[in-house]
């Protein structure tokens, strides 16, 4: 667009370089790495449970029961170790 509306003056702004691009990519990866890993883990867990149900229904229910026990254990852990809030 600047070709049509160029005022003939050289631009004082520095165009973004390689380091700036890499810095943005690294910052976005750090921001999104944990949610992406959680989503991938959930998908793999669902696939594992479905596969266990295809092998034997008892294995599928055992996996669901184990998942339930892990969640209940996490609840009790959080109840015994509340976060320390500084107000």
Foldseek 3Di string as FASTA:
>chain_A
DCVVVPPPDDDPDDDDDDVVVVVVVVVVCVVCVVVVVVVVVVVVLVVVLVVLVVVPVVSSVVSVVVVVVVVVVVVVVCVVPPDDDDD
